Amino acid sequence: MFDPIEVRALLIEAACARQTFTYGGLLNILGHTFTRPLMRQLCKVLDRIDEDGRASGEPGLAVLVVRQSDGLPGQGWFVSRTGVYDDLPLEWEGTEARAYTQARQAEAFDYWSKQ
């Protein structure tokens, strides 16, 4: 349903511009309205993009897709990275999660703005 190449290109463009997407905003750009099933499908593509990027030594891009309510990735983003990263915060909301998210976003912004 979602083309990983297209989604990755949009995320790289956002990283170069030091911007983020909301889940609904990205779905809208991809021609869909927000529904939970579509969001779950999109998240699977985001995870795949990050897995492929990790294999190539790139920082994650999925961290650039956040909830409108608080500007953080969804719980699934944190859960899917458990066991991959030792420094994940214990909570998926709040100050620690925000600082962690902002640090990962900065890595993506810095990496892609130099490419």
Protein backbone atom coordinates (compact mmCIF):
# COMPACT_ATOMS: atom_id res chain seq x y z
CA MET A 1 0.00 0.00 0.00
CA PHE A 2 2.75 2.46 0.93
CA ASP A 3 5.85 2.62 -1.23
CA PRO A 4 8.90 2.58 1.07
CA ILE A 5 10.95 4.45 -1.53
CA GLU A 6 8.39 7.27 -1.68
CA VAL A 7 8.03 7.45 2.11
CA ARG A 8 11.81 7.42 2.59
CA ALA A 9 12.21 10.25 0.06
CA LEU A 10 9.63 12.34 1.92
CA LEU A 11 11.40 11.68 5.22
CA ILE A 12 14.80 12.60 3.80
CA GLU A 13 13.32 15.80 2.39
CA ALA A 14 11.88 16.62 5.82
CA ALA A 15 15.20 15.84 7.51
CA CYS A 16 17.04 18.16 5.13
CA ALA A 17 14.53 20.90 5.97
CA ARG A 18 14.80 20.04 9.72
CA GLN A 19 11.06 19.35 9.84
CA THR A 20 8.79 16.62 11.13
CA PHE A 21 5.47 15.17 10.00
CA THR A 22 2.47 14.20 12.04
CA TYR A 23 1.14 10.75 11.28
CA GLY A 24 -2.00 12.32 9.82
CA GLY A 25 -0.01 14.85 7.82
CA LEU A 26 2.16 12.19 6.24
CA LEU A 27 -0.86 10.03 5.46
CA ASN A 28 -2.48 13.07 3.84
CA ILE A 29 0.58 13.72 1.66
CA LEU A 30 0.45 10.07 0.64
CA GLY A 31 -3.18 10.55 -0.44
CA HIS A 32 -5.00 9.06 2.55
CA THR A 33 -7.03 10.27 5.47
CA PHE A 34 -6.03 9.17 8.94
CA THR A 35 -7.35 5.86 10.19
CA ARG A 36 -5.74 3.59 12.76
CA PRO A 37 -5.39 0.68 10.29
CA LEU A 38 -3.63 2.92 7.76
CA MET A 39 -1.43 4.35 10.49
CA ARG A 40 -0.39 0.82 11.53
CA GLN A 41 0.47 -0.02 7.91
CA LEU A 42 2.47 3.19 7.62
CA CYS A 43 4.33 2.37 10.85
CA LYS A 44 5.38 -0.99 9.43
CA VAL A 45 6.88 0.82 6.45
CA LEU A 46 8.59 3.32 8.76
CA ASP A 47 10.12 0.47 10.76
CA ARG A 48 11.36 -1.17 7.56
CA ILE A 49 12.92 2.10 6.41
CA ASP A 50 14.75 2.40 9.71
CA GLU A 51 15.91 -1.22 9.64
CA ASP A 52 17.31 -0.76 6.14
CA GLY A 53 18.92 2.54 7.15
CA ARG A 54 20.54 0.99 10.22
CA ALA A 55 22.10 -1.67 7.98
CA SER A 56 23.60 1.16 5.93
CA GLY A 57 24.83 3.13 8.95
CA GLU A 58 22.17 5.84 8.67
CA PRO A 59 20.30 7.38 11.57
CA GLY A 60 16.61 6.61 11.87
CA LEU A 61 14.05 8.57 9.89
CA ALA A 62 10.85 7.26 11.48
CA VAL A 63 11.49 9.50 14.49
CA LEU A 64 10.47 12.39 12.23
CA VAL A 65 6.86 11.17 12.26
CA VAL A 66 5.12 12.24 15.46
CA ARG A 67 1.76 12.52 17.13
CA GLN A 68 -0.01 15.82 16.69
CA SER A 69 -0.96 15.87 20.37
CA ASP A 70 2.54 16.03 21.85
CA GLY A 71 5.13 15.92 19.04
CA LEU A 72 6.44 12.49 20.05
CA PRO A 73 6.52 9.25 18.08
CA GLY A 74 3.86 6.77 19.06
CA GLN A 75 4.37 4.06 21.64
CA GLY A 76 5.02 1.54 18.88
CA TRP A 77 8.10 3.48 17.77
CA PHE A 78 9.65 3.07 21.19
CA VAL A 79 8.56 -0.56 21.59
CA SER A 80 9.90 -1.62 18.19
CA ARG A 81 13.33 -0.26 19.09
CA THR A 82 13.58 -2.06 22.44
CA GLY A 83 16.53 -4.40 22.23
CA VAL A 84 18.02 -2.42 19.35
CA TYR A 85 19.04 0.66 21.35
CA ASP A 86 20.34 0.51 24.91
CA ASP A 87 19.53 4.13 25.70
CA LEU A 88 15.77 4.16 25.09
CA PRO A 89 13.85 5.94 27.84
CA LEU A 90 11.70 3.82 30.11
CA GLU A 91 8.66 6.04 29.52
CA TRP A 92 7.15 6.81 26.11
CA GLU A 93 5.90 10.24 27.16
CA GLY A 94 7.22 13.12 29.20
CA THR A 95 10.50 14.96 29.52
CA GLU A 96 12.84 12.00 29.04
CA ALA A 97 11.00 10.76 25.95
CA ARG A 98 10.96 14.28 24.52
CA ALA A 99 14.71 14.75 25.06
CA TYR A 100 15.45 11.34 23.52
CA THR A 101 13.21 12.06 20.53
CA GLN A 102 14.76 15.47 19.95
CA ALA A 103 18.27 13.97 20.09
CA ARG A 104 17.37 11.29 17.51
CA GLN A 105 15.70 13.92 15.31
CA ALA A 106 18.80 16.10 15.51
CA GLU A 107 20.91 13.14 14.36
CA ALA A 108 18.68 12.71 11.31
CA PHE A 109 18.62 16.45 10.60
CA ASP A 110 22.42 16.73 10.83
CA TYR A 111 23.12 13.59 8.80
CA TRP A 112 20.77 14.36 5.91
CA SER A 113 21.55 18.08 5.71
CA LYS A 114 25.18 17.11 4.95
CA GLN A 115 24.35 14.62 2.18
